[in-house]
Amino acid sequence: MLFKYGYVLAFLVAGVFFILFAFLTNWIISPNGLLGQKFHENRSVDTYECGVDTIGTAWVRFNVSFYLYALLFVLFDVETVFLYPWAVSFRKLGLVGFSEMIVFIGILLVGLAYAWKKGVLKWE
């Protein structure tokens, strides 16, 4: 019985070792780390954009509409994840499964209509 817990202990030790190895490697080769000063120059910490040196600050504020588009994309992507298994077992679910999916899609369409009415989908 105790032998079965050996696998758990082995995975725990391997996981801790992997995490410590990642932290140690990061500390050794980071610009401020043990060997970092030898391998990194001052230009290695500059922002790189398509081979062109940046002019001014590299910190840019993004419009909140980008995040709203991303959230709506994730929402409808999750909808697709839920639609696929439903479509695979459509015949087995019958009319009850069909009506539940109609309700699910209806709720999502109400959310889309609300976002559309609020002007979230306007690209400006």
Protein backbone atom coordinates (compact mmCIF):
# COMPACT_ATOMS: atom_id res chain seq x y z
CA MET A 1 0.00 0.00 0.00
CA LEU A 2 2.79 2.41 0.87
CA PHE A 3 4.46 1.67 -2.47
CA LYS A 4 1.60 3.41 -4.32
CA TYR A 5 2.47 6.66 -2.59
CA GLY A 6 6.00 6.35 -3.94
CA TYR A 7 4.79 7.53 -7.34
CA VAL A 8 3.25 10.61 -5.78
CA LEU A 9 6.47 11.31 -3.89
CA ALA A 10 8.52 10.82 -7.07
CA PHE A 11 6.34 13.28 -9.00
CA LEU A 12 6.51 15.75 -6.13
CA VAL A 13 10.31 15.55 -5.96
CA ALA A 14 10.59 15.83 -9.76
CA GLY A 15 8.25 18.85 -9.79
CA VAL A 16 10.18 20.63 -7.03
CA PHE A 17 13.47 19.83 -8.77
CA PHE A 18 12.15 21.20 -12.08
CA ILE A 19 10.99 24.43 -10.46
CA LEU A 20 14.27 24.90 -8.59
CA PHE A 21 16.22 24.17 -11.77
CA ALA A 22 14.21 26.81 -13.67
CA PHE A 23 14.79 29.42 -10.96
CA LEU A 24 18.49 28.59 -10.72
CA THR A 25 18.95 28.77 -14.49
CA ASN A 26 17.13 32.10 -14.60
CA TRP A 27 19.30 33.47 -11.80
CA ILE A 28 22.50 32.34 -13.50
CA ILE A 29 21.84 33.76 -16.99
CA SER A 30 19.74 36.81 -16.12
CA PRO A 31 21.34 40.24 -16.79
CA ASN A 32 21.81 40.86 -13.05
CA GLY A 33 22.65 37.26 -12.19
CA LEU A 34 25.85 35.29 -11.73
CA LEU A 35 26.96 35.03 -15.38
CA GLY A 36 24.60 37.61 -16.82
CA GLN A 37 27.08 40.48 -17.04
CA LYS A 38 29.32 38.45 -19.34
CA PHE A 39 26.64 37.52 -21.84
CA HIS A 40 24.43 40.59 -21.94
CA GLU A 41 25.23 44.04 -23.20
CA ASN A 42 23.34 47.23 -22.51
CA ARG A 43 21.43 46.82 -25.78
CA SER A 44 20.02 43.49 -24.71
CA VAL A 45 17.57 45.21 -22.38
CA ASP A 46 16.30 47.60 -25.08
CA THR A 47 12.89 47.10 -26.63
CA TYR A 48 13.14 45.35 -30.00
CA GLU A 49 10.58 46.14 -32.66
CA CYS A 50 11.16 44.64 -36.11
CA GLY A 51 14.85 45.56 -36.17
CA VAL A 52 14.14 49.27 -35.82
CA ASP A 53 15.30 51.21 -32.78
CA THR A 54 12.44 52.65 -30.79
CA ILE A 55 11.94 56.37 -30.62
CA GLY A 56 10.62 57.63 -27.33
CA THR A 57 9.02 55.42 -24.74
CA ALA A 58 8.00 51.87 -25.54
CA TRP A 59 5.13 51.94 -23.05
CA VAL A 60 1.92 52.51 -24.97
CA ARG A 61 -1.56 52.63 -23.53
CA PHE A 62 -3.94 50.43 -25.40
CA ASN A 63 -7.55 51.34 -25.89
CA VAL A 64 -9.93 49.39 -23.66
CA SER A 65 -11.86 48.25 -26.73
CA PHE A 66 -9.02 45.85 -27.58
CA TYR A 67 -9.61 44.06 -24.28
CA LEU A 68 -13.35 43.99 -24.84
CA TYR A 69 -12.82 42.41 -28.25
CA ALA A 70 -10.54 39.82 -26.65
CA LEU A 71 -13.12 39.03 -23.96
CA LEU A 72 -15.88 38.65 -26.54
CA PHE A 73 -13.62 36.40 -28.60
CA VAL A 74 -12.95 34.19 -25.59
CA LEU A 75 -16.67 34.09 -24.81
CA PHE A 76 -17.61 32.88 -28.27
CA ASP A 77 -14.63 30.56 -28.39
CA VAL A 78 -15.89 28.88 -25.23
CA GLU A 79 -19.30 28.66 -26.87
CA THR A 80 -17.72 26.71 -29.71
CA VAL A 81 -16.08 24.38 -27.21
CA PHE A 82 -19.50 23.65 -25.72
CA LEU A 83 -21.15 23.25 -29.12
CA TYR A 84 -18.79 20.55 -30.39
CA PRO A 85 -19.60 17.78 -27.86
CA TRP A 86 -23.28 18.66 -28.15
CA ALA A 87 -23.12 18.23 -31.92
CA VAL A 88 -21.34 14.90 -31.59
CA SER A 89 -24.01 13.47 -29.27
CA PHE A 90 -26.95 15.32 -30.83
CA ARG A 91 -28.98 12.21 -31.73
CA LYS A 92 -28.60 10.68 -28.28
CA LEU A 93 -29.70 13.87 -26.49
CA GLY A 94 -32.91 14.26 -28.46
CA LEU A 95 -35.34 17.13 -28.10
CA VAL A 96 -34.31 17.97 -24.53
CA GLY A 97 -30.69 18.48 -25.55
CA PHE A 98 -31.76 20.53 -28.54
CA SER A 99 -33.93 22.83 -26.41
CA GLU A 100 -31.16 23.28 -23.84
CA MET A 101 -28.72 24.30 -26.57
CA ILE A 102 -31.26 26.73 -28.01
CA VAL A 103 -31.52 28.35 -24.56
CA PHE A 104 -27.70 28.46 -24.30
CA ILE A 105 -27.30 30.07 -27.72
CA GLY A 106 -30.16 32.46 -26.91
CA ILE A 107 -28.40 33.67 -23.77
CA LEU A 108 -25.23 34.25 -25.77
CA LEU A 109 -27.14 36.12 -28.46
CA VAL A 110 -28.72 38.36 -25.81
CA GLY A 111 -25.22 39.11 -24.52
CA LEU A 112 -24.02 39.87 -28.04
CA ALA A 113 -27.01 42.15 -28.68
CA TYR A 114 -26.32 43.96 -25.40
CA ALA A 115 -22.65 44.48 -26.33
CA TRP A 116 -23.67 45.65 -29.80
CA LYS A 117 -26.24 48.11 -28.38
CA LYS A 118 -23.69 49.52 -25.91
CA GLY A 119 -21.31 50.21 -28.82
CA VAL A 120 -18.61 47.81 -27.67
CA LEU A 121 -18.17 46.44 -31.18
CA LYS A 122 -17.53 49.82 -32.83
CA TRP A 123 -13.97 50.06 -34.03
CA GLU A 124 -12.68 53.61 -33.67
